[in-house]
Amino acid sequence: MSLFDDDEEALDSNGKLIVPDEVQDAIRTLITWSGDDPTREGLVDTPSRVARAWREYCQGYGEDPSHHLSRTFEEVGGYDEIVLLKKIPFQSHCEHHMAPIIGHAHIAYLPHQRVVGISKLARVLQGYARRLQIQERLTAEIADCIWTHLEPVGVAVVIEASHACMTARGVRTPGVSMTTSRMMGVFREDERSRKEVLSLMGFE
């Protein structure tokens, strides 16, 4: 069962998504297994709230992020240098513990005759982040999407994030962040270009 199966979602009289009973029952089971009582006052409406929250967290399953790169512009006045969007905030959830991943991304590309509106780079990030993820795959998916659909000379994506599955449970080491990167085209093949883009991102 998927919340994205139907073209139109059923809404209640207040305009809120109607959550199927089996979804709410699953959340009640988890609450009970965790040691609390899902029928007490503070938890009665929690199953529907949690379900709606997860519907929002996972909006990325209902879209194709590459769609945001379909409209490009060729009138760039001869501009042929790096385009960089820095420190784009995002939130995702790890697929192993469904715990939050919170961080920011730096996305850069070296255009070849055409560019895209800068907000579209952030939308590509959000489209992939709003799914169950691992940071390594998220980094690769963003870079591959831009490489395939914009056909630039180079793509560079660097993500820095903290993982609640590590900071709030398990080894419990708050303050630790993880960095992943993917370099394609000239940023992978040419050391000088790679150093330039990393410097613009603030890493050198």
Protein backbone atom coordinates (compact mmCIF):
# COMPACT_ATOMS: atom_id res chain seq x y z
CA MET A 1 0.00 0.00 0.00
CA SER A 2 1.30 3.47 -0.86
CA LEU A 3 -0.07 6.91 -0.10
CA PHE A 4 0.92 7.83 -3.65
CA ASP A 5 -1.21 5.23 -5.42
CA ASP A 6 -4.23 7.48 -5.94
CA ASP A 7 -4.21 10.57 -8.14
CA GLU A 8 -6.52 12.36 -5.70
CA GLU A 9 -6.22 12.06 -1.95
CA ALA A 10 -9.29 11.78 0.28
CA LEU A 11 -9.65 14.75 2.62
CA ASP A 12 -11.87 15.21 5.66
CA SER A 13 -14.21 18.15 6.30
CA ASN A 14 -11.28 20.17 7.66
CA GLY A 15 -9.23 19.60 4.53
CA LYS A 16 -6.87 17.12 6.21
CA LEU A 17 -5.69 13.88 4.65
CA ILE A 18 -7.82 10.92 5.73
CA VAL A 19 -5.49 8.31 7.17
CA PRO A 20 -6.48 4.65 6.59
CA ASP A 21 -7.27 2.63 9.72
CA GLU A 22 -4.51 0.11 9.05
CA VAL A 23 -1.92 2.90 9.02
CA GLN A 24 -3.17 4.29 12.33
CA ASP A 25 -3.29 0.78 13.82
CA ALA A 26 0.36 0.25 12.87
CA ILE A 27 1.35 3.41 14.74
CA ARG A 28 -0.74 2.41 17.76
CA THR A 29 1.07 -0.92 17.77
CA LEU A 30 4.42 0.87 17.82
CA ILE A 31 3.29 3.13 20.68
CA THR A 32 2.16 0.09 22.67
CA TRP A 33 5.37 -1.79 21.94
CA SER A 34 7.35 1.26 23.09
CA GLY A 35 5.64 1.04 26.48
CA ASP A 36 2.88 3.64 26.37
CA ASP A 37 -0.89 3.56 26.06
CA PRO A 38 -2.21 4.77 22.66
CA THR A 39 -5.67 5.34 24.20
CA ARG A 40 -4.57 7.96 26.74
CA GLU A 41 -5.60 11.55 26.04
CA GLY A 42 -2.27 12.85 24.80
CA LEU A 43 -1.83 9.99 22.33
CA VAL A 44 -5.35 9.50 20.95
CA ASP A 45 -4.73 11.64 17.87
CA THR A 46 -1.04 10.81 17.54
CA PRO A 47 -1.46 8.01 14.96
CA SER A 48 -3.16 10.30 12.44
CA ARG A 49 -0.68 13.11 13.14
CA VAL A 50 2.29 10.82 12.66
CA ALA A 51 0.86 9.41 9.45
CA ARG A 52 0.28 12.89 7.98
CA ALA A 53 3.75 13.94 9.04
CA TRP A 54 5.28 10.96 7.24
CA ARG A 55 3.21 11.77 4.18
CA GLU A 56 4.95 15.15 4.19
CA TYR A 57 8.39 13.74 4.98
CA CYS A 58 8.13 11.39 2.00
CA GLN A 59 6.68 13.74 -0.62
CA GLY A 60 9.64 12.96 -2.86
CA TYR A 61 8.18 9.59 -3.79
CA GLY A 62 5.37 11.41 -5.56
CA GLU A 63 7.57 13.40 -7.93
CA ASP A 64 10.32 13.09 -10.50
CA PRO A 65 13.07 15.54 -9.45
CA SER A 66 14.39 15.76 -13.01
CA HIS A 67 11.17 17.56 -13.96
CA HIS A 68 12.60 20.68 -12.32
CA LEU A 69 15.41 20.73 -14.87
CA SER A 70 13.18 20.57 -17.94
CA ARG A 71 13.11 24.33 -18.50
CA THR A 72 16.52 25.81 -19.28
CA PHE A 73 17.86 29.10 -20.63
CA GLU A 74 20.42 29.57 -23.39
CA GLU A 75 20.66 33.38 -23.25
CA VAL A 76 23.45 33.60 -20.67
CA GLY A 77 25.51 36.41 -22.21
CA GLY A 78 28.43 34.12 -22.87
CA TYR A 79 28.71 33.05 -19.23
CA ASP A 80 30.73 29.85 -18.98
CA GLU A 81 31.95 29.75 -15.38
CA ILE A 82 30.83 27.81 -12.32
CA VAL A 83 27.25 28.12 -11.08
CA LEU A 84 27.07 27.34 -7.36
CA LEU A 85 24.25 27.21 -4.83
CA LYS A 86 25.70 26.97 -1.30
CA LYS A 87 24.37 25.72 2.01
CA ILE A 88 20.93 24.58 0.86
CA PRO A 89 19.20 23.26 3.99
CA PHE A 90 17.39 19.94 3.85
CA GLN A 91 15.91 17.24 6.03
CA SER A 92 15.64 13.57 5.17
CA HIS A 93 15.21 10.28 7.04
CA CYS A 94 17.61 7.36 7.06
CA GLU A 95 16.26 4.15 5.62
CA HIS A 96 17.82 2.02 8.36
CA HIS A 97 16.19 3.59 11.44
CA MET A 98 13.83 6.16 9.87
CA ALA A 99 15.62 8.76 11.99
CA PRO A 100 16.17 12.36 10.81
CA ILE A 101 19.08 13.38 8.63
CA ILE A 102 19.53 17.14 8.88
CA GLY A 103 22.09 19.13 6.95
CA HIS A 104 22.87 21.27 3.96
CA ALA A 105 24.13 20.74 0.44
CA HIS A 106 26.40 22.60 -1.95
CA ILE A 107 25.47 22.06 -5.61
CA ALA A 108 27.61 23.34 -8.48
CA TYR A 109 27.80 22.81 -12.22
CA LEU A 110 29.81 24.20 -15.11
CA PRO A 111 27.22 24.94 -17.81
CA HIS A 112 27.50 24.02 -21.45
CA GLN A 113 25.43 26.58 -23.41
CA ARG A 114 22.44 26.48 -21.06
CA VAL A 115 21.56 27.10 -17.42
CA VAL A 116 18.60 26.44 -15.15
CA GLY A 117 16.87 28.67 -12.60
CA ILE A 118 18.81 28.44 -9.35
CA SER A 119 15.75 27.48 -7.29
CA LYS A 120 15.50 24.33 -9.39
CA LEU A 121 18.74 23.00 -7.93
CA ALA A 122 17.22 23.24 -4.46
CA ARG A 123 14.05 21.53 -5.71
CA VAL A 124 16.08 18.62 -7.08
CA LEU A 125 17.73 18.24 -3.67
CA GLN A 126 14.38 18.31 -1.87
CA GLY A 127 12.81 15.85 -4.31
CA TYR A 128 15.41 13.22 -3.47
CA ALA A 129 15.76 14.15 0.22
CA ARG A 130 12.05 13.67 0.93
CA ARG A 131 12.40 9.91 0.74
CA LEU A 132 13.97 7.26 2.94
CA GLN A 133 17.64 7.74 2.17
CA ILE A 134 21.28 7.17 2.89
CA GLN A 135 23.48 10.23 2.44
CA GLU A 136 25.77 8.56 -0.07
CA ARG A 137 22.90 7.74 -2.43
CA LEU A 138 21.31 11.15 -1.98
CA THR A 139 24.57 12.81 -3.05
CA ALA A 140 24.90 10.57 -6.10
CA GLU A 141 21.25 10.96 -7.18
CA ILE A 142 21.44 14.75 -7.18
CA ALA A 143 24.68 14.81 -9.17
CA ASP A 144 23.52 12.17 -11.66
CA CYS A 145 20.23 14.00 -12.24
CA ILE A 146 21.96 17.29 -13.04
CA TRP A 147 24.58 15.57 -15.20
CA THR A 148 21.98 13.71 -17.24
CA HIS A 149 19.43 16.47 -17.76
CA LEU A 150 21.55 19.63 -18.03
CA GLU A 151 24.49 17.99 -19.84
CA PRO A 152 27.01 20.37 -18.24
CA VAL A 153 30.80 20.27 -18.45
CA GLY A 154 31.02 19.34 -14.79
CA VAL A 155 28.93 18.70 -11.67
CA ALA A 156 29.97 18.87 -8.02
CA VAL A 157 27.73 18.00 -5.07
CA VAL A 158 28.87 18.07 -1.44
CA ILE A 159 26.52 17.27 1.44
CA GLU A 160 27.18 17.79 5.15
CA ALA A 161 24.65 16.35 7.59
CA SER A 162 24.08 14.96 11.05
CA HIS A 163 22.29 11.64 11.53
CA ALA A 164 19.98 11.09 14.47
CA CYS A 165 20.46 7.34 14.12
CA MET A 166 24.01 8.03 15.37
CA THR A 167 23.60 11.15 17.51
CA ALA A 168 20.43 10.19 19.41
CA ARG A 169 20.77 6.41 19.63
CA GLY A 170 23.38 3.69 19.29
CA VAL A 171 26.81 5.28 19.82
CA ARG A 172 25.11 8.58 20.82
CA THR A 173 27.69 11.07 19.64
CA PRO A 174 25.98 14.47 19.22
CA GLY A 175 27.77 17.13 17.23
CA VAL A 176 29.18 14.71 14.67
CA SER A 177 28.50 15.41 11.00
CA MET A 178 29.11 13.40 7.85
CA THR A 179 30.41 14.76 4.54
CA THR A 180 29.87 13.11 1.16
CA SER A 181 30.75 14.34 -2.32
CA ARG A 182 30.35 13.43 -5.95
CA MET A 183 32.42 15.02 -8.71
CA MET A 184 31.62 14.50 -12.38
CA GLY A 185 33.11 15.70 -15.64
CA VAL A 186 35.77 18.38 -15.38
CA PHE A 187 35.50 18.53 -11.58
CA ARG A 188 36.55 14.89 -11.40
CA GLU A 189 39.07 14.85 -14.21
CA ASP A 190 40.86 18.16 -13.65
CA GLU A 191 42.46 18.83 -10.26
CA ARG A 192 42.58 22.60 -10.80
CA SER A 193 38.83 22.75 -11.53
CA ARG A 194 38.07 20.53 -8.55
CA LYS A 195 40.10 22.77 -6.23
CA GLU A 196 38.33 25.84 -7.62
CA VAL A 197 34.84 24.54 -6.96
CA LEU A 198 35.74 23.23 -3.50
CA SER A 199 37.27 26.62 -2.67
CA LEU A 200 34.08 28.39 -3.75
CA MET A 201 32.13 26.01 -1.51
CA GLY A 202 34.39 26.98 1.37
CA PHE A 203 36.42 23.80 1.76
CA GLU A 204 39.85 25.14 0.75
